[in-house]
Amino acid sequence: RAEEGNISYSLNQNIKKPGEHVFI
């Protein structure tokens, strides 16, 4: 998030499948 060209960066966990994670 602190990088010059970054607009947004997040980690998200699937509510129904707790092992599934997505970086957006």
PDB file of all heavy atoms in Angstrom:
ATOM      1  N   ARG A   1       0.827  -1.218   0.000  1.00  0.00           N
ATOM      2  CA  ARG A   1       0.000   0.000   0.000  1.00  0.00           C
ATOM      3  C   ARG A   1       0.857   1.263   0.000  1.00  0.00           C
ATOM      4  O   ARG A   1       0.436   2.305  -0.490  1.00  0.00           O
ATOM      5  CB  ARG A   1      -0.911   0.017   1.222  1.00  0.00           C
ATOM      6  CG  ARG A   1      -2.079  -0.932   1.116  1.00  0.00           C
ATOM      7  CD  ARG A   1      -2.913  -0.896   2.372  1.00  0.00           C
ATOM      8  NE  ARG A   1      -4.068  -1.783   2.273  1.00  0.00           N
ATOM      9  CZ  ARG A   1      -4.828  -2.116   3.296  1.00  0.00           C
ATOM     10  NH1 ARG A   1      -4.573  -1.633   4.511  1.00  0.00           N
ATOM     11  NH2 ARG A   1      -5.845  -2.927   3.120  1.00  0.00           N
ATOM     12  N   ALA A   2       2.060   1.176   0.553  1.00  0.00           N
ATOM     13  CA  ALA A   2       2.951   2.339   0.649  1.00  0.00           C
ATOM     14  C   ALA A   2       3.746   2.588  -0.634  1.00  0.00           C
ATOM     15  O   ALA A   2       4.408   3.614  -0.757  1.00  0.00           O
ATOM     16  CB  ALA A   2       3.908   2.157   1.831  1.00  0.00           C
ATOM     17  N   GLU A   3       3.655   1.677  -1.594  1.00  0.00           N
ATOM     18  CA  GLU A   3       4.412   1.831  -2.832  1.00  0.00           C
ATOM     19  C   GLU A   3       3.843   2.964  -3.685  1.00  0.00           C
ATOM     20  O   GLU A   3       2.640   3.209  -3.692  1.00  0.00           O
ATOM     21  CB  GLU A   3       4.406   0.529  -3.629  1.00  0.00           C
ATOM     22  CG  GLU A   3       5.227  -0.563  -2.969  1.00  0.00           C
ATOM     23  CD  GLU A   3       5.203  -1.846  -3.785  1.00  0.00           C
ATOM     24  OE1 GLU A   3       5.431  -1.779  -5.004  1.00  0.00           O
ATOM     25  OE2 GLU A   3       4.948  -2.906  -3.178  1.00  0.00           O
ATOM     26  N   GLU A   4       4.727   3.600  -4.426  1.00  0.00           N
ATOM     27  CA  GLU A   4       4.390   4.761  -5.252  1.00  0.00           C
ATOM     28  C   GLU A   4       3.220   4.508  -6.193  1.00  0.00           C
ATOM     29  O   GLU A   4       2.297   5.301  -6.255  1.00  0.00           O
ATOM     30  CB  GLU A   4       5.622   5.183  -6.075  1.00  0.00           C
ATOM     31  CG  GLU A   4       5.381   6.291  -7.053  1.00  0.00           C
ATOM     32  CD  GLU A   4       5.431   7.658  -6.423  1.00  0.00           C
ATOM     33  OE1 GLU A   4       6.058   7.801  -5.360  1.00  0.00           O
ATOM     34  OE2 GLU A   4       4.840   8.582  -7.004  1.00  0.00           O
ATOM     35  N   GLY A   5       3.217   3.426  -6.931  1.00  0.00           N
ATOM     36  CA  GLY A   5       2.190   3.202  -7.940  1.00  0.00           C
ATOM     37  C   GLY A   5       0.978   2.424  -7.470  1.00  0.00           C
ATOM     38  O   GLY A   5       0.114   2.063  -8.270  1.00  0.00           O
ATOM     39  N   ASN A   6       0.890   2.167  -6.167  1.00  0.00           N
ATOM     40  CA  ASN A   6      -0.245   1.393  -5.651  1.00  0.00           C
ATOM     41  C   ASN A   6      -1.446   2.284  -5.405  1.00  0.00           C
ATOM     42  O   ASN A   6      -1.329   3.363  -4.840  1.00  0.00           O
ATOM     43  CB  ASN A   6       0.131   0.660  -4.364  1.00  0.00           C
ATOM     44  CG  ASN A   6      -1.026  -0.177  -3.844  1.00  0.00           C
ATOM     45  OD1 ASN A   6      -1.748   0.234  -2.956  1.00  0.00           O
ATOM     46  ND2 ASN A   6      -1.200  -1.337  -4.441  1.00  0.00           N
ATOM     47  N   ILE A   7      -2.613   1.815  -5.820  1.00  0.00           N
ATOM     48  CA  ILE A   7      -3.867   2.517  -5.564  1.00  0.00           C
ATOM     49  C   ILE A   7      -4.591   1.855  -4.394  1.00  0.00           C
ATOM     50  O   ILE A   7      -5.088   2.524  -3.497  1.00  0.00           O
ATOM     51  CB  ILE A   7      -4.736   2.538  -6.838  1.00  0.00           C
ATOM     52  CG1 ILE A   7      -3.992   3.307  -7.929  1.00  0.00           C
ATOM     53  CG2 ILE A   7      -6.108   3.136  -6.546  1.00  0.00           C
ATOM     54  CD1 ILE A   7      -4.560   3.144  -9.313  1.00  0.00           C
ATOM     55  N   SER A   8      -4.640   0.527  -4.398  1.00  0.00           N
ATOM     56  CA  SER A   8      -5.213  -0.208  -3.261  1.00  0.00           C
ATOM     57  C   SER A   8      -4.669  -1.633  -3.261  1.00  0.00           C
ATOM     58  O   SER A   8      -4.232  -2.149  -4.299  1.00  0.00           O
ATOM     59  CB  SER A   8      -6.744  -0.216  -3.320  1.00  0.00           C
ATOM     60  OG  SER A   8      -7.196  -1.013  -4.391  1.00  0.00           O
ATOM     61  N   TYR A   9      -4.714  -2.252  -2.082  1.00  0.00           N
ATOM     62  CA  TYR A   9      -4.166  -3.603  -1.920  1.00  0.00           C
ATOM     63  C   TYR A   9      -4.828  -4.200  -0.689  1.00  0.00           C
ATOM     64  O   TYR A   9      -4.749  -3.624   0.403  1.00  0.00           O
ATOM     65  CB  TYR A   9      -2.656  -3.508  -1.699  1.00  0.00           C
ATOM     66  CG  TYR A   9      -1.876  -4.773  -1.953  1.00  0.00           C
ATOM     67  CD1 TYR A   9      -1.056  -4.885  -3.067  1.00  0.00           C
ATOM     68  CD2 TYR A   9      -1.935  -5.853  -1.079  1.00  0.00           C
ATOM     69  CE1 TYR A   9      -0.306  -6.029  -3.306  1.00  0.00           C
ATOM     70  CE2 TYR A   9      -1.190  -7.004  -1.318  1.00  0.00           C
ATOM     71  CZ  TYR A   9      -0.377  -7.081  -2.432  1.00  0.00           C
ATOM     72  OH  TYR A   9       0.361  -8.219  -2.671  1.00  0.00           O
ATOM     73  N   SER A  10      -5.518  -5.315  -0.854  1.00  0.00           N
ATOM     74  CA  SER A  10      -6.187  -5.926   0.292  1.00  0.00           C
ATOM     75  C   SER A  10      -6.151  -7.439   0.198  1.00  0.00           C
ATOM     76  O   SER A  10      -6.026  -8.015  -0.893  1.00  0.00           O
ATOM     77  CB  SER A  10      -7.641  -5.454   0.396  1.00  0.00           C
ATOM     78  OG  SER A  10      -8.387  -5.914  -0.716  1.00  0.00           O
ATOM     79  N   LEU A  11      -6.276  -8.086   1.345  1.00  0.00           N
ATOM     80  CA  LEU A  11      -6.422  -9.535   1.424  1.00  0.00           C
ATOM     81  C   LEU A  11      -7.841  -9.811   1.884  1.00  0.00           C
ATOM     82  O   LEU A  11      -8.315  -9.204   2.851  1.00  0.00           O
ATOM     83  CB  LEU A  11      -5.419 -10.132   2.413  1.00  0.00           C
ATOM     84  CG  LEU A  11      -5.574 -11.642   2.642  1.00  0.00           C
ATOM     85  CD1 LEU A  11      -5.308 -12.431   1.359  1.00  0.00           C
ATOM     86  CD2 LEU A  11      -4.642 -12.104   3.755  1.00  0.00           C
ATOM     87  N   ASN A  12      -8.514 -10.732   1.211  1.00  0.00           N
ATOM     88  CA  ASN A  12      -9.908 -11.047   1.493  1.00  0.00           C
ATOM     89  C   ASN A  12     -10.073 -12.548   1.667  1.00  0.00           C
ATOM     90  O   ASN A  12      -9.467 -13.336   0.929  1.00  0.00           O
ATOM     91  CB  ASN A  12     -10.784 -10.555   0.339  1.00  0.00           C
ATOM     92  CG  ASN A  12     -10.543  -9.087   0.057  1.00  0.00           C
ATOM     93  OD1 ASN A  12     -11.189  -8.244   0.627  1.00  0.00           O
ATOM     94  ND2 ASN A  12      -9.577  -8.783  -0.805  1.00  0.00           N
ATOM     95  N   GLN A  13     -10.893 -12.949   2.632  1.00  0.00           N
ATOM     96  CA  GLN A  13     -11.141 -14.364   2.923  1.00  0.00           C
ATOM     97  C   GLN A  13     -12.573 -14.713   2.524  1.00  0.00           C
ATOM     98  O   GLN A  13     -13.522 -13.989   2.865  1.00  0.00           O
ATOM     99  CB  GLN A  13     -10.934 -14.622   4.421  1.00  0.00           C
ATOM    100  CG  GLN A  13     -11.127 -16.062   4.837  1.00  0.00           C
ATOM    101  CD  GLN A  13     -10.933 -16.236   6.339  1.00  0.00           C
ATOM    102  OE1 GLN A  13     -11.184 -15.326   7.134  1.00  0.00           O
ATOM    103  NE2 GLN A  13     -10.472 -17.410   6.731  1.00  0.00           N
ATOM    104  N   ASN A  14     -12.734 -15.816   1.823  1.00  0.00           N
ATOM    105  CA  ASN A  14     -14.050 -16.299   1.420  1.00  0.00           C
ATOM    106  C   ASN A  14     -14.833 -16.704   2.668  1.00  0.00           C
ATOM    107  O   ASN A  14     -14.353 -17.479   3.495  1.00  0.00           O
ATOM    108  CB  ASN A  14     -13.905 -17.493   0.473  1.00  0.00           C
ATOM    109  CG  ASN A  14     -15.209 -17.951  -0.126  1.00  0.00           C
ATOM    110  OD1 ASN A  14     -16.247 -18.000   0.532  1.00  0.00           O
ATOM    111  ND2 ASN A  14     -15.156 -18.323  -1.391  1.00  0.00           N
ATOM    112  N   ILE A  15     -16.029 -16.184   2.832  1.00  0.00           N
ATOM    113  CA  ILE A  15     -16.848 -16.448   4.012  1.00  0.00           C
ATOM    114  C   ILE A  15     -17.265 -17.916   4.080  1.00  0.00           C
ATOM    115  O   ILE A  15     -17.266 -18.513   5.151  1.00  0.00           O
ATOM    116  CB  ILE A  15     -18.082 -15.521   4.024  1.00  0.00           C
ATOM    117  CG1 ILE A  15     -17.623 -14.077   4.241  1.00  0.00           C
ATOM    118  CG2 ILE A  15     -19.090 -15.939   5.089  1.00  0.00           C
ATOM    119  CD1 ILE A  15     -18.715 -13.041   4.058  1.00  0.00           C
ATOM    120  N   LYS A  16     -17.588 -18.504   2.936  1.00  0.00           N
ATOM    121  CA  LYS A  16     -18.068 -19.886   2.922  1.00  0.00           C
ATOM    122  C   LYS A  16     -16.948 -20.918   2.829  1.00  0.00           C
ATOM    123  O   LYS A  16     -17.142 -22.082   3.159  1.00  0.00           O
ATOM    124  CB  LYS A  16     -19.056 -20.090   1.772  1.00  0.00           C
ATOM    125  CG  LYS A  16     -20.345 -19.320   1.970  1.00  0.00           C
ATOM    126  CD  LYS A  16     -21.328 -19.626   0.865  1.00  0.00           C
ATOM    127  CE  LYS A  16     -22.624 -18.858   1.106  1.00  0.00           C
ATOM    128  NZ  LYS A  16     -23.610 -19.116   0.056  1.00  0.00           N
ATOM    129  N   LYS A  17     -15.781 -20.500   2.353  1.00  0.00           N
ATOM    130  CA  LYS A  17     -14.615 -21.388   2.224  1.00  0.00           C
ATOM    131  C   LYS A  17     -13.435 -20.692   2.892  1.00  0.00           C
ATOM    132  O   LYS A  17     -12.660 -20.000   2.241  1.00  0.00           O
ATOM    133  CB  LYS A  17     -14.293 -21.643   0.752  1.00  0.00           C
ATOM    134  CG  LYS A  17     -15.413 -22.278  -0.035  1.00  0.00           C
ATOM    135  CD  LYS A  17     -14.990 -22.372  -1.495  1.00  0.00           C
ATOM    136  CE  LYS A  17     -16.159 -22.608  -2.402  1.00  0.00           C
ATOM    137  NZ  LYS A  17     -15.781 -22.485  -3.812  1.00  0.00           N
ATOM    138  N   PRO A  18     -13.272 -20.849   4.199  1.00  0.00           N
ATOM    139  CA  PRO A  18     -12.279 -20.077   4.957  1.00  0.00           C
ATOM    140  C   PRO A  18     -10.836 -20.195   4.461  1.00  0.00           C
ATOM    141  O   PRO A  18     -10.038 -19.290   4.677  1.00  0.00           O
ATOM    142  CB  PRO A  18     -12.410 -20.618   6.374  1.00  0.00           C
ATOM    143  CG  PRO A  18     -13.755 -21.247   6.438  1.00  0.00           C
ATOM    144  CD  PRO A  18     -14.061 -21.718   5.056  1.00  0.00           C
ATOM    145  N   GLY A  19     -10.504 -21.266   3.777  1.00  0.00           N
ATOM    146  CA  GLY A  19      -9.139 -21.406   3.268  1.00  0.00           C
ATOM    147  C   GLY A  19      -8.875 -20.587   2.013  1.00  0.00           C
ATOM    148  O   GLY A  19      -7.731 -20.306   1.674  1.00  0.00           O
ATOM    149  N   GLU A  20      -9.928 -20.194   1.329  1.00  0.00           N
ATOM    150  CA  GLU A  20      -9.774 -19.437   0.086  1.00  0.00           C
ATOM    151  C   GLU A  20      -9.553 -17.954   0.389  1.00  0.00           C
ATOM    152  O   GLU A  20     -10.367 -17.320   1.040  1.00  0.00           O
ATOM    153  CB  GLU A  20     -11.028 -19.618  -0.783  1.00  0.00           C
ATOM    154  CG  GLU A  20     -10.888 -18.989  -2.153  1.00  0.00           C
ATOM    155  CD  GLU A  20     -12.101 -19.284  -3.007  1.00  0.00           C
ATOM    156  OE1 GLU A  20     -12.250 -20.420  -3.462  1.00  0.00           O
ATOM    157  OE2 GLU A  20     -12.914 -18.345  -3.173  1.00  0.00           O
ATOM    158  N   HIS A  21      -8.433 -17.451  -0.081  1.00  0.00           N
ATOM    159  CA  HIS A  21      -8.064 -16.051   0.126  1.00  0.00           C
ATOM    160  C   HIS A  21      -7.767 -15.405  -1.223  1.00  0.00           C
ATOM    161  O   HIS A  21      -7.216 -16.051  -2.118  1.00  0.00           O
ATOM    162  CB  HIS A  21      -6.820 -15.958   1.024  1.00  0.00           C
ATOM    163  CG  HIS A  21      -7.090 -16.297   2.442  1.00  0.00           C
ATOM    164  ND1 HIS A  21      -7.382 -17.577   2.853  1.00  0.00           N
ATOM    165  CD2 HIS A  21      -7.124 -15.523   3.549  1.00  0.00           C
ATOM    166  CE1 HIS A  21      -7.579 -17.574   4.163  1.00  0.00           C
ATOM    167  NE2 HIS A  21      -7.420 -16.345   4.608  1.00  0.00           N
ATOM    168  N   VAL A  22      -8.110 -14.133  -1.335  1.00  0.00           N
ATOM    169  CA  VAL A  22      -7.888 -13.397  -2.570  1.00  0.00           C
ATOM    170  C   VAL A  22      -7.222 -12.059  -2.248  1.00  0.00           C
ATOM    171  O   VAL A  22      -7.725 -11.294  -1.427  1.00  0.00           O
ATOM    172  CB  VAL A  22      -9.214 -13.153  -3.326  1.00  0.00           C
ATOM    173  CG1 VAL A  22      -8.976 -12.353  -4.589  1.00  0.00           C
ATOM    174  CG2 VAL A  22      -9.900 -14.463  -3.652  1.00  0.00           C
ATOM    175  N   PHE A  23      -6.091 -11.823  -2.881  1.00  0.00           N
ATOM    176  CA  PHE A  23      -5.480 -10.493  -2.849  1.00  0.00           C
ATOM    177  C   PHE A  23      -6.126  -9.714  -3.981  1.00  0.00           C
ATOM    178  O   PHE A  23      -6.157 -10.175  -5.127  1.00  0.00           O
ATOM    179  CB  PHE A  23      -3.971 -10.565  -3.094  1.00  0.00           C
ATOM    180  CG  PHE A  23      -3.193 -11.168  -1.967  1.00  0.00           C
ATOM    181  CD1 PHE A  23      -2.915 -12.527  -1.944  1.00  0.00           C
ATOM    182  CD2 PHE A  23      -2.723 -10.377  -0.931  1.00  0.00           C
ATOM    183  CE1 PHE A  23      -2.180 -13.087  -0.918  1.00  0.00           C
ATOM    184  CE2 PHE A  23      -1.981 -10.932   0.105  1.00  0.00           C
ATOM    185  CZ  PHE A  23      -1.715 -12.289   0.117  1.00  0.00           C
ATOM    186  N   ILE A  24      -6.657  -8.540  -3.678  1.00  0.00           N
ATOM    187  CA  ILE A  24      -7.216  -7.659  -4.700  1.00  0.00           C
ATOM    188  C   ILE A  24      -6.357  -6.401  -4.706  1.00  0.00           C
ATOM    189  O   ILE A  24      -6.249  -5.708  -3.691  1.00  0.00           O
ATOM    190  CB  ILE A  24      -8.695  -7.337  -4.432  1.00  0.00           C
ATOM    191  CG1 ILE A  24      -9.517  -8.643  -4.411  1.00  0.00           C
ATOM    192  CG2 ILE A  24      -9.224  -6.359  -5.481  1.00  0.00           C
ATOM    193  CD1 ILE A  24     -10.967  -8.463  -4.051  1.00  0.00           C
TER     194      ILE A  24
END
